[in-house]
Amino acid sequence: MADIRYYDVILKPVITEKSMKNMGEKEYTFLVHPESNKTMIKEAVEKMFPGTKVAKVNTMNRIGKTKRRGMNVGKTAKTKKAIVWLTEDSKEIEIFSGL
């Protein structure tokens, strides 16, 4: 496994209608490094966003889709998505406050 630092774990937030609706309940969705685990994700969120306390983390592996262009066949990159729940006394994540 590669040496992954906490700032390499979270790649970007997922901005969809469903994820935006769940932000009111302190539930945030991120694209994360494919080799990260739940404890790495929890530590990364708590270090990157001061004042947050993570209650639970769910992860999903999404396999790459098969794509064709003529006779050439390839696959898109696999990704990993994490849903992070914050505790009730935790601060909200600031990057989502203006959306």
N, C-alpha and C. Protein backbone atom coordinates (compact mmCIF):
# COMPACT_ATOMS: atom_id res chain seq x y z
N MET A 1 0.84 -1.18 0.00
CA MET A 1 0.00 0.00 0.00
C MET A 1 0.88 1.24 0.00
N ALA A 2 0.47 2.22 -0.73
CA ALA A 2 1.24 3.45 -0.85
C ALA A 2 1.20 4.25 0.46
N ASP A 3 2.19 5.10 0.65
CA ASP A 3 2.23 5.96 1.82
C ASP A 3 1.29 7.14 1.57
N ILE A 4 0.10 7.09 2.15
CA ILE A 4 -0.93 8.10 1.91
C ILE A 4 -1.00 9.02 3.11
N ARG A 5 -0.84 10.31 2.89
CA ARG A 5 -0.97 11.32 3.93
C ARG A 5 -2.44 11.74 4.04
N TYR A 6 -2.78 12.43 5.13
CA TYR A 6 -4.19 12.79 5.33
C TYR A 6 -4.70 13.75 4.27
N TYR A 7 -3.83 14.61 3.72
CA TYR A 7 -4.28 15.55 2.69
C TYR A 7 -4.40 14.89 1.32
N ASP A 8 -3.93 13.66 1.17
CA ASP A 8 -4.11 12.91 -0.07
C ASP A 8 -5.36 12.04 -0.06
N VAL A 9 -5.97 11.87 1.09
CA VAL A 9 -7.10 10.95 1.21
C VAL A 9 -8.35 11.52 0.54
N ILE A 10 -8.73 12.74 0.88
CA ILE A 10 -9.94 13.34 0.31
C ILE A 10 -9.58 14.04 -0.98
N LEU A 11 -10.19 13.60 -2.08
CA LEU A 11 -9.89 14.17 -3.38
C LEU A 11 -10.77 15.37 -3.69
N LYS A 12 -12.10 15.20 -3.57
CA LYS A 12 -13.02 16.32 -3.81
C LYS A 12 -14.39 15.97 -3.26
N PRO A 13 -15.21 16.99 -2.97
CA PRO A 13 -16.57 16.71 -2.51
C PRO A 13 -17.47 16.32 -3.68
N VAL A 14 -18.50 15.57 -3.36
CA VAL A 14 -19.50 15.18 -4.36
C VAL A 14 -20.67 16.15 -4.22
N ILE A 15 -20.98 16.87 -5.30
CA ILE A 15 -22.05 17.85 -5.28
C ILE A 15 -23.19 17.33 -6.17
N THR A 16 -24.17 16.71 -5.54
CA THR A 16 -25.38 16.25 -6.25
C THR A 16 -26.59 16.70 -5.45
N GLU A 17 -27.77 16.53 -6.01
CA GLU A 17 -28.98 16.93 -5.30
C GLU A 17 -29.14 16.14 -4.01
N LYS A 18 -28.87 14.84 -4.07
CA LYS A 18 -29.03 14.00 -2.89
C LYS A 18 -28.02 14.36 -1.81
N SER A 19 -26.77 14.59 -2.18
CA SER A 19 -25.76 14.93 -1.18
C SER A 19 -26.02 16.31 -0.59
N MET A 20 -26.52 17.24 -1.38
CA MET A 20 -26.83 18.58 -0.86
C MET A 20 -28.01 18.52 0.11
N LYS A 21 -28.99 17.67 -0.16
CA LYS A 21 -30.13 17.53 0.73
C LYS A 21 -29.71 16.96 2.08
N ASN A 22 -28.76 16.04 2.07
CA ASN A 22 -28.33 15.38 3.31
C ASN A 22 -27.37 16.21 4.14
N MET A 23 -26.88 17.33 3.61
CA MET A 23 -25.95 18.17 4.37
C MET A 23 -26.62 18.82 5.57
N GLY A 24 -27.92 19.02 5.52
CA GLY A 24 -28.64 19.56 6.68
C GLY A 24 -28.62 18.61 7.85
N GLU A 25 -28.44 17.34 7.59
CA GLU A 25 -28.38 16.33 8.64
C GLU A 25 -26.94 15.98 9.01
N LYS A 26 -26.00 16.84 8.61
CA LYS A 26 -24.56 16.66 8.86
C LYS A 26 -24.04 15.37 8.24
N GLU A 27 -24.41 15.15 7.00
CA GLU A 27 -23.95 13.99 6.23
C GLU A 27 -23.29 14.52 4.96
N TYR A 28 -22.00 14.25 4.79
CA TYR A 28 -21.22 14.81 3.69
C TYR A 28 -20.64 13.68 2.85
N THR A 29 -20.56 13.91 1.53
CA THR A 29 -20.07 12.90 0.60
C THR A 29 -18.81 13.41 -0.09
N PHE A 30 -17.78 12.55 -0.15
CA PHE A 30 -16.50 12.89 -0.75
C PHE A 30 -16.03 11.77 -1.67
N LEU A 31 -15.29 12.15 -2.71
CA LEU A 31 -14.50 11.17 -3.46
C LEU A 31 -13.18 11.05 -2.73
N VAL A 32 -12.74 9.81 -2.47
CA VAL A 32 -11.54 9.59 -1.68
C VAL A 32 -10.56 8.71 -2.46
N HIS A 33 -9.34 8.63 -1.96
CA HIS A 33 -8.31 7.80 -2.57
C HIS A 33 -8.76 6.34 -2.55
N PRO A 34 -8.60 5.60 -3.66
CA PRO A 34 -9.10 4.22 -3.71
C PRO A 34 -8.47 3.27 -2.70
N GLU A 35 -7.29 3.58 -2.17
CA GLU A 35 -6.64 2.69 -1.22
C GLU A 35 -6.84 3.13 0.24
N SER A 36 -7.64 4.15 0.47
CA SER A 36 -7.85 4.61 1.84
C SER A 36 -8.90 3.74 2.53
N ASN A 37 -8.82 3.71 3.87
CA ASN A 37 -9.82 2.97 4.63
C ASN A 37 -10.61 3.94 5.50
N LYS A 38 -11.55 3.40 6.29
CA LYS A 38 -12.45 4.26 7.05
C LYS A 38 -11.72 5.08 8.12
N THR A 39 -10.74 4.50 8.77
CA THR A 39 -10.02 5.25 9.80
C THR A 39 -9.19 6.38 9.19
N MET A 40 -8.61 6.15 8.01
CA MET A 40 -7.87 7.21 7.32
C MET A 40 -8.80 8.36 6.94
N ILE A 41 -9.99 8.02 6.47
CA ILE A 41 -10.96 9.04 6.06
C ILE A 41 -11.42 9.85 7.27
N LYS A 42 -11.68 9.17 8.38
CA LYS A 42 -12.10 9.86 9.60
C LYS A 42 -11.02 10.83 10.07
N GLU A 43 -9.76 10.39 10.12
CA GLU A 43 -8.67 11.26 10.55
C GLU A 43 -8.48 12.43 9.60
N ALA A 44 -8.62 12.18 8.29
CA ALA A 44 -8.43 13.25 7.31
C ALA A 44 -9.49 14.33 7.45
N VAL A 45 -10.74 13.95 7.66
CA VAL A 45 -11.81 14.94 7.82
C VAL A 45 -11.59 15.75 9.08
N GLU A 46 -11.23 15.09 10.17
CA GLU A 46 -11.04 15.82 11.43
C GLU A 46 -9.83 16.74 11.39
N LYS A 47 -8.78 16.39 10.61
CA LYS A 47 -7.61 17.26 10.51
C LYS A 47 -7.80 18.39 9.51
N MET A 48 -8.47 18.12 8.40
CA MET A 48 -8.64 19.14 7.36
C MET A 48 -9.67 20.19 7.74
N PHE A 49 -10.67 19.80 8.51
CA PHE A 49 -11.73 20.72 8.91
C PHE A 49 -11.76 20.80 10.43
N PRO A 50 -11.07 21.78 11.02
CA PRO A 50 -10.98 21.86 12.49
C PRO A 50 -12.36 22.06 13.12
N GLY A 51 -12.57 21.41 14.25
CA GLY A 51 -13.83 21.53 14.97
C GLY A 51 -14.84 20.47 14.60
N THR A 52 -14.52 19.62 13.64
CA THR A 52 -15.45 18.56 13.25
C THR A 52 -15.11 17.27 13.99
N LYS A 53 -16.15 16.52 14.32
CA LYS A 53 -16.00 15.21 14.95
C LYS A 53 -16.81 14.22 14.13
N VAL A 54 -16.17 13.18 13.66
CA VAL A 54 -16.82 12.21 12.79
C VAL A 54 -17.47 11.13 13.65
N ALA A 55 -18.75 10.87 13.39
CA ALA A 55 -19.46 9.82 14.10
C ALA A 55 -19.31 8.49 13.38
N LYS A 56 -19.45 8.50 12.05
CA LYS A 56 -19.38 7.24 11.30
C LYS A 56 -19.03 7.53 9.86
N VAL A 57 -18.45 6.52 9.20
CA VAL A 57 -18.03 6.63 7.79
C VAL A 57 -18.51 5.38 7.05
N ASN A 58 -19.15 5.59 5.92
CA ASN A 58 -19.49 4.49 5.00
C ASN A 58 -18.71 4.71 3.72
N THR A 59 -18.20 3.61 3.12
CA THR A 59 -17.45 3.72 1.87
C THR A 59 -18.06 2.83 0.80
N MET A 60 -17.87 3.24 -0.45
CA MET A 60 -18.34 2.48 -1.61
C MET A 60 -17.25 2.45 -2.66
N ASN A 61 -16.97 1.29 -3.19
CA ASN A 61 -16.05 1.16 -4.31
C ASN A 61 -16.87 1.13 -5.59
N ARG A 62 -16.51 2.00 -6.53
CA ARG A 62 -17.17 2.01 -7.82
C ARG A 62 -16.17 1.54 -8.86
N ILE A 63 -16.53 0.46 -9.57
CA ILE A 63 -15.62 -0.08 -10.57
C ILE A 63 -15.66 0.78 -11.82
N GLY A 64 -14.60 0.72 -12.60
CA GLY A 64 -14.52 1.50 -13.83
C GLY A 64 -15.44 0.92 -14.90
N LYS A 65 -16.02 1.78 -15.69
CA LYS A 65 -16.90 1.34 -16.77
C LYS A 65 -16.07 0.93 -17.99
N THR A 66 -16.57 -0.03 -18.71
CA THR A 66 -15.93 -0.42 -19.97
C THR A 66 -16.40 0.53 -21.06
N LYS A 67 -15.47 1.11 -21.76
CA LYS A 67 -15.78 2.06 -22.83
C LYS A 67 -15.19 1.56 -24.14
N ARG A 68 -15.89 1.82 -25.23
CA ARG A 68 -15.40 1.42 -26.55
C ARG A 68 -15.34 2.62 -27.47
N ARG A 69 -14.34 2.64 -28.31
CA ARG A 69 -14.26 3.61 -29.39
C ARG A 69 -13.81 2.81 -30.59
N GLY A 70 -14.79 2.43 -31.39
CA GLY A 70 -14.49 1.56 -32.52
C GLY A 70 -14.14 0.17 -32.02
N MET A 71 -12.97 -0.33 -32.42
CA MET A 71 -12.55 -1.65 -31.97
C MET A 71 -11.73 -1.59 -30.68
N ASN A 72 -11.34 -0.42 -30.26
CA ASN A 72 -10.55 -0.28 -29.04
C ASN A 72 -11.45 -0.33 -27.81
N VAL A 73 -11.06 -1.15 -26.86
CA VAL A 73 -11.83 -1.30 -25.63
C VAL A 73 -10.93 -0.91 -24.46
N GLY A 74 -11.48 -0.14 -23.53
CA GLY A 74 -10.72 0.26 -22.36
C GLY A 74 -11.65 0.42 -21.17
N LYS A 75 -11.09 0.79 -20.05
CA LYS A 75 -11.87 1.01 -18.84
C LYS A 75 -11.58 2.39 -18.27
N THR A 76 -12.58 3.01 -17.67
CA THR A 76 -12.36 4.25 -16.95
C THR A 76 -11.78 3.92 -15.58
N ALA A 77 -11.29 4.89 -14.89
CA ALA A 77 -10.64 4.66 -13.60
C ALA A 77 -11.67 4.27 -12.54
N LYS A 78 -11.27 3.38 -11.64
CA LYS A 78 -12.13 3.04 -10.52
C LYS A 78 -12.05 4.15 -9.48
N THR A 79 -13.12 4.35 -8.75
CA THR A 79 -13.17 5.41 -7.75
C THR A 79 -13.73 4.85 -6.45
N LYS A 80 -13.57 5.62 -5.39
CA LYS A 80 -14.10 5.26 -4.09
C LYS A 80 -14.82 6.48 -3.53
N LYS A 81 -16.00 6.27 -3.00
CA LYS A 81 -16.81 7.34 -2.46
C LYS A 81 -17.02 7.09 -0.98
N ALA A 82 -16.98 8.14 -0.17
CA ALA A 82 -17.18 8.02 1.27
C ALA A 82 -18.29 8.96 1.71
N ILE A 83 -19.17 8.46 2.56
CA ILE A 83 -20.20 9.27 3.19
C ILE A 83 -19.83 9.40 4.66
N VAL A 84 -19.70 10.65 5.12
CA VAL A 84 -19.22 10.94 6.47
C VAL A 84 -20.34 11.59 7.27
N TRP A 85 -20.65 11.02 8.44
CA TRP A 85 -21.62 11.59 9.35
C TRP A 85 -20.88 12.27 10.48
N LEU A 86 -21.28 13.50 10.80
CA LEU A 86 -20.68 14.26 11.90
C LEU A 86 -21.57 14.14 13.14
N THR A 87 -20.96 14.32 14.32
CA THR A 87 -21.74 14.28 15.56
C THR A 87 -22.58 15.55 15.68
N GLU A 88 -23.52 15.54 16.62
CA GLU A 88 -24.43 16.68 16.79
C GLU A 88 -23.70 17.93 17.27
N ASP A 89 -22.68 17.77 18.13
CA ASP A 89 -21.98 18.93 18.66
C ASP A 89 -20.83 19.39 17.77
N SER A 90 -20.68 18.79 16.62
CA SER A 90 -19.60 19.11 15.70
C SER A 90 -19.93 20.36 14.88
N LYS A 91 -18.88 21.07 14.46
CA LYS A 91 -19.07 22.19 13.54
C LYS A 91 -19.37 21.66 12.15
N GLU A 92 -20.05 22.48 11.34
CA GLU A 92 -20.30 22.10 9.96
C GLU A 92 -19.06 22.36 9.12
N ILE A 93 -18.95 21.71 7.99
CA ILE A 93 -17.82 21.88 7.10
C ILE A 93 -18.05 23.14 6.28
N GLU A 94 -17.07 24.05 6.27
CA GLU A 94 -17.23 25.38 5.69
C GLU A 94 -17.36 25.39 4.17
N ILE A 95 -16.76 24.44 3.49
CA ILE A 95 -16.77 24.50 2.02
C ILE A 95 -18.17 24.33 1.46
N PHE A 96 -19.08 23.78 2.26
CA PHE A 96 -20.45 23.59 1.81
C PHE A 96 -21.39 24.68 2.28
N SER A 97 -20.93 25.61 3.10
CA SER A 97 -21.84 26.59 3.69
C SER A 97 -22.40 27.58 2.68
N GLY A 98 -21.67 27.90 1.63
CA GLY A 98 -22.15 28.87 0.65
C GLY A 98 -22.99 28.28 -0.46
N LEU A 99 -23.17 26.97 -0.46
CA LEU A 99 -23.91 26.33 -1.55
C LEU A 99 -25.38 26.21 -1.26
